[in-house]
Amino acid sequence: MKKIMIIAAIAASLGACTAQEERVGGGALIGAGTGAVIGGLATGRAGGALAGAAIGGVAGGAIGGATAPRTCVGRDEYGRRFRYDC
């Protein structure tokens, strides 16, 4: 159980990045860590922790990707490219 708590703490610290391309990975790490803790506590077995980590990782990655800020590329009247929030 102590190992699971350490993994969850590491996942939370790595998931603190806010760059758009890191949101999915951070969400997956946080979800996997949280899922492992909850699965381990709920079942008291390693299999429950592994199942919770898998489910939490997929869900966290999906949520991280869905909530990432989007940027679009446009052109001004001189043809120069610029980025803006979609």
N, C-alpha and C. Protein backbone atom coordinates (compact mmCIF):
# COMPACT_ATOMS: atom_id res chain seq x y z
N MET A 1 0.82 -1.18 0.00
CA MET A 1 0.00 0.00 0.00
C MET A 1 0.87 1.25 0.00
N LYS A 2 2.01 1.17 0.68
CA LYS A 2 2.91 2.33 0.73
C LYS A 2 3.44 2.66 -0.66
N LYS A 3 3.72 1.64 -1.46
CA LYS A 3 4.20 1.86 -2.82
C LYS A 3 3.15 2.57 -3.67
N ILE A 4 1.90 2.18 -3.48
CA ILE A 4 0.82 2.81 -4.24
C ILE A 4 0.70 4.28 -3.89
N MET A 5 0.84 4.61 -2.62
CA MET A 5 0.77 6.02 -2.21
C MET A 5 1.93 6.82 -2.79
N ILE A 6 3.11 6.22 -2.87
CA ILE A 6 4.27 6.91 -3.46
C ILE A 6 4.04 7.13 -4.94
N ILE A 7 3.52 6.13 -5.63
CA ILE A 7 3.23 6.27 -7.05
C ILE A 7 2.18 7.35 -7.28
N ALA A 8 1.17 7.41 -6.43
CA ALA A 8 0.14 8.44 -6.57
C ALA A 8 0.72 9.83 -6.36
N ALA A 9 1.63 9.98 -5.42
CA ALA A 9 2.25 11.29 -5.19
C ALA A 9 3.11 11.70 -6.38
N ILE A 10 3.84 10.76 -6.95
CA ILE A 10 4.66 11.06 -8.13
C ILE A 10 3.76 11.43 -9.31
N ALA A 11 2.68 10.69 -9.49
CA ALA A 11 1.76 10.99 -10.58
C ALA A 11 1.15 12.37 -10.43
N ALA A 12 0.81 12.75 -9.22
CA ALA A 12 0.23 14.08 -9.00
C ALA A 12 1.25 15.17 -9.29
N SER A 13 2.49 14.95 -8.93
CA SER A 13 3.50 15.98 -9.19
C SER A 13 3.82 16.08 -10.68
N LEU A 14 3.84 14.97 -11.39
CA LEU A 14 4.10 15.02 -12.82
C LEU A 14 2.91 15.58 -13.59
N GLY A 15 1.72 15.43 -13.06
CA GLY A 15 0.53 15.91 -13.73
C GLY A 15 0.29 17.39 -13.55
N ALA A 16 1.18 18.10 -12.87
CA ALA A 16 0.98 19.52 -12.63
C ALA A 16 1.33 20.38 -13.83
N CYS A 17 1.88 19.83 -14.89
CA CYS A 17 2.22 20.60 -16.08
C CYS A 17 0.95 21.06 -16.78
N THR A 18 1.02 22.21 -17.45
CA THR A 18 -0.18 22.74 -18.08
C THR A 18 -0.07 22.87 -19.58
N ALA A 19 1.04 22.51 -20.19
CA ALA A 19 1.16 22.62 -21.64
C ALA A 19 0.14 21.70 -22.30
N GLN A 20 -0.38 22.15 -23.43
CA GLN A 20 -1.46 21.41 -24.09
C GLN A 20 -1.06 19.97 -24.40
N GLU A 21 0.15 19.77 -24.89
CA GLU A 21 0.55 18.41 -25.28
C GLU A 21 0.82 17.51 -24.08
N GLU A 22 0.93 18.08 -22.89
CA GLU A 22 1.18 17.28 -21.70
C GLU A 22 -0.08 16.98 -20.90
N ARG A 23 -1.21 17.54 -21.31
CA ARG A 23 -2.43 17.35 -20.54
C ARG A 23 -2.91 15.91 -20.54
N VAL A 24 -2.83 15.25 -21.67
CA VAL A 24 -3.30 13.86 -21.75
C VAL A 24 -2.42 12.95 -20.89
N GLY A 25 -1.11 13.10 -21.00
CA GLY A 25 -0.20 12.29 -20.19
C GLY A 25 -0.35 12.56 -18.70
N GLY A 26 -0.49 13.82 -18.34
CA GLY A 26 -0.68 14.17 -16.93
C GLY A 26 -1.99 13.62 -16.39
N GLY A 27 -3.05 13.74 -17.19
CA GLY A 27 -4.34 13.21 -16.77
C GLY A 27 -4.31 11.70 -16.61
N ALA A 28 -3.59 11.03 -17.52
CA ALA A 28 -3.48 9.58 -17.42
C ALA A 28 -2.70 9.17 -16.18
N LEU A 29 -1.63 9.89 -15.87
CA LEU A 29 -0.85 9.57 -14.67
C LEU A 29 -1.66 9.78 -13.40
N ILE A 30 -2.35 10.90 -13.33
CA ILE A 30 -3.17 11.17 -12.15
C ILE A 30 -4.29 10.15 -12.03
N GLY A 31 -4.95 9.85 -13.15
CA GLY A 31 -6.03 8.87 -13.13
C GLY A 31 -5.55 7.48 -12.75
N ALA A 32 -4.39 7.09 -13.27
CA ALA A 32 -3.85 5.76 -12.94
C ALA A 32 -3.47 5.67 -11.47
N GLY A 33 -2.84 6.72 -10.96
CA GLY A 33 -2.47 6.72 -9.54
C GLY A 33 -3.67 6.68 -8.63
N THR A 34 -4.65 7.51 -8.95
CA THR A 34 -5.87 7.54 -8.14
C THR A 34 -6.64 6.23 -8.25
N GLY A 35 -6.73 5.70 -9.47
CA GLY A 35 -7.42 4.43 -9.67
C GLY A 35 -6.75 3.28 -8.95
N ALA A 36 -5.42 3.29 -8.91
CA ALA A 36 -4.69 2.23 -8.20
C ALA A 36 -4.97 2.30 -6.70
N VAL A 37 -4.97 3.51 -6.16
CA VAL A 37 -5.25 3.66 -4.73
C VAL A 37 -6.66 3.21 -4.41
N ILE A 38 -7.63 3.68 -5.18
CA ILE A 38 -9.03 3.32 -4.91
C ILE A 38 -9.26 1.83 -5.12
N GLY A 39 -8.71 1.28 -6.22
CA GLY A 39 -8.87 -0.15 -6.47
C GLY A 39 -8.23 -1.01 -5.40
N GLY A 40 -7.05 -0.59 -4.94
CA GLY A 40 -6.37 -1.33 -3.88
C GLY A 40 -7.11 -1.27 -2.56
N LEU A 41 -7.64 -0.09 -2.23
CA LEU A 41 -8.40 0.04 -0.98
C LEU A 41 -9.73 -0.71 -1.04
N ALA A 42 -10.38 -0.68 -2.20
CA ALA A 42 -11.69 -1.30 -2.32
C ALA A 42 -11.61 -2.83 -2.27
N THR A 43 -10.58 -3.39 -2.89
CA THR A 43 -10.50 -4.85 -2.95
C THR A 43 -9.47 -5.44 -2.00
N GLY A 44 -8.46 -4.67 -1.64
CA GLY A 44 -7.41 -5.19 -0.78
C GLY A 44 -6.46 -6.14 -1.50
N ARG A 45 -6.49 -6.13 -2.82
CA ARG A 45 -5.66 -7.04 -3.60
C ARG A 45 -4.91 -6.27 -4.67
N ALA A 46 -3.82 -6.85 -5.14
CA ALA A 46 -3.03 -6.22 -6.20
C ALA A 46 -3.80 -6.16 -7.51
N GLY A 47 -4.62 -7.17 -7.77
CA GLY A 47 -5.42 -7.18 -8.99
C GLY A 47 -6.39 -6.02 -9.05
N GLY A 48 -6.98 -5.69 -7.92
CA GLY A 48 -7.88 -4.54 -7.87
C GLY A 48 -7.15 -3.24 -8.12
N ALA A 49 -5.92 -3.14 -7.60
CA ALA A 49 -5.12 -1.94 -7.83
C ALA A 49 -4.73 -1.82 -9.30
N LEU A 50 -4.39 -2.94 -9.93
CA LEU A 50 -4.03 -2.91 -11.34
C LEU A 50 -5.23 -2.56 -12.21
N ALA A 51 -6.39 -3.13 -11.91
CA ALA A 51 -7.59 -2.80 -12.67
C ALA A 51 -7.96 -1.33 -12.49
N GLY A 52 -7.87 -0.84 -11.27
CA GLY A 52 -8.16 0.56 -11.01
C GLY A 52 -7.19 1.48 -11.73
N ALA A 53 -5.92 1.10 -11.78
CA ALA A 53 -4.92 1.91 -12.49
C ALA A 53 -5.21 1.95 -13.98
N ALA A 54 -5.60 0.82 -14.56
CA ALA A 54 -5.90 0.78 -15.99
C ALA A 54 -7.12 1.64 -16.32
N ILE A 55 -8.18 1.46 -15.56
CA ILE A 55 -9.40 2.23 -15.81
C ILE A 55 -9.17 3.71 -15.55
N GLY A 56 -8.50 4.03 -14.46
CA GLY A 56 -8.22 5.42 -14.13
C GLY A 56 -7.30 6.08 -15.14
N GLY A 57 -6.33 5.35 -15.65
CA GLY A 57 -5.42 5.91 -16.66
C GLY A 57 -6.13 6.27 -17.94
N VAL A 58 -7.01 5.39 -18.41
CA VAL A 58 -7.77 5.66 -19.63
C VAL A 58 -8.71 6.84 -19.42
N ALA A 59 -9.42 6.83 -18.31
CA ALA A 59 -10.36 7.92 -18.03
C ALA A 59 -9.63 9.25 -17.83
N GLY A 60 -8.52 9.24 -17.11
CA GLY A 60 -7.76 10.47 -16.90
C GLY A 60 -7.19 11.03 -18.18
N GLY A 61 -6.71 10.17 -19.05
CA GLY A 61 -6.20 10.63 -20.35
C GLY A 61 -7.29 11.23 -21.21
N ALA A 62 -8.46 10.60 -21.20
CA ALA A 62 -9.58 11.13 -21.98
C ALA A 62 -10.03 12.49 -21.45
N ILE A 63 -10.12 12.61 -20.14
CA ILE A 63 -10.55 13.88 -19.55
C ILE A 63 -9.48 14.95 -19.78
N GLY A 64 -8.21 14.60 -19.64
CA GLY A 64 -7.13 15.55 -19.88
C GLY A 64 -7.12 16.06 -21.31
N GLY A 65 -7.36 15.18 -22.25
CA GLY A 65 -7.41 15.59 -23.65
C GLY A 65 -8.62 16.43 -23.98
N ALA A 66 -9.75 16.12 -23.36
CA ALA A 66 -10.97 16.87 -23.64
C ALA A 66 -10.95 18.27 -23.04
N THR A 67 -10.22 18.46 -21.96
CA THR A 67 -10.20 19.77 -21.30
C THR A 67 -9.00 20.61 -21.69
N ALA A 68 -8.15 20.11 -22.59
CA ALA A 68 -6.97 20.88 -23.01
C ALA A 68 -7.41 22.10 -23.81
N PRO A 69 -6.81 23.25 -23.56
CA PRO A 69 -7.15 24.43 -24.34
C PRO A 69 -6.72 24.25 -25.79
N ARG A 70 -7.54 24.69 -26.71
CA ARG A 70 -7.27 24.56 -28.13
C ARG A 70 -6.78 25.89 -28.70
N THR A 71 -5.87 25.82 -29.64
CA THR A 71 -5.43 27.01 -30.36
C THR A 71 -5.61 26.78 -31.85
N CYS A 72 -6.05 27.81 -32.54
CA CYS A 72 -6.22 27.77 -33.98
C CYS A 72 -5.20 28.70 -34.62
N VAL A 73 -4.97 28.51 -35.90
CA VAL A 73 -4.03 29.35 -36.64
C VAL A 73 -4.81 30.12 -37.68
N GLY A 74 -4.60 31.42 -37.71
CA GLY A 74 -5.25 32.28 -38.69
C GLY A 74 -4.22 33.12 -39.42
N ARG A 75 -4.69 33.92 -40.38
CA ARG A 75 -3.81 34.81 -41.13
C ARG A 75 -4.38 36.22 -41.06
N ASP A 76 -3.49 37.18 -40.91
CA ASP A 76 -3.93 38.57 -40.89
C ASP A 76 -4.00 39.10 -42.33
N GLU A 77 -4.27 40.40 -42.48
CA GLU A 77 -4.45 40.98 -43.81
C GLU A 77 -3.15 40.99 -44.63
N TYR A 78 -2.02 40.77 -43.99
CA TYR A 78 -0.74 40.72 -44.69
C TYR A 78 -0.27 39.28 -44.95
N GLY A 79 -1.07 38.31 -44.58
CA GLY A 79 -0.74 36.92 -44.82
C GLY A 79 0.11 36.28 -43.74
N ARG A 80 0.38 37.01 -42.66
CA ARG A 80 1.17 36.45 -41.56
C ARG A 80 0.29 35.55 -40.71
N ARG A 81 0.88 34.45 -40.28
CA ARG A 81 0.14 33.50 -39.44
C ARG A 81 0.18 33.95 -37.99
N PHE A 82 -0.94 33.71 -37.28
CA PHE A 82 -0.99 33.98 -35.84
C PHE A 82 -1.89 32.94 -35.19
N ARG A 83 -1.70 32.77 -33.91
CA ARG A 83 -2.49 31.78 -33.14
C ARG A 83 -3.50 32.50 -32.27
N TYR A 84 -4.66 31.87 -32.10
CA TYR A 84 -5.69 32.41 -31.22
C TYR A 84 -6.46 31.27 -30.60
N ASP A 85 -7.14 31.55 -29.49
CA ASP A 85 -7.95 30.53 -28.82
C ASP A 85 -9.19 30.24 -29.65
N CYS A 86 -9.48 28.97 -29.84
CA CYS A 86 -10.67 28.58 -30.61
C CYS A 86 -11.93 28.72 -29.77
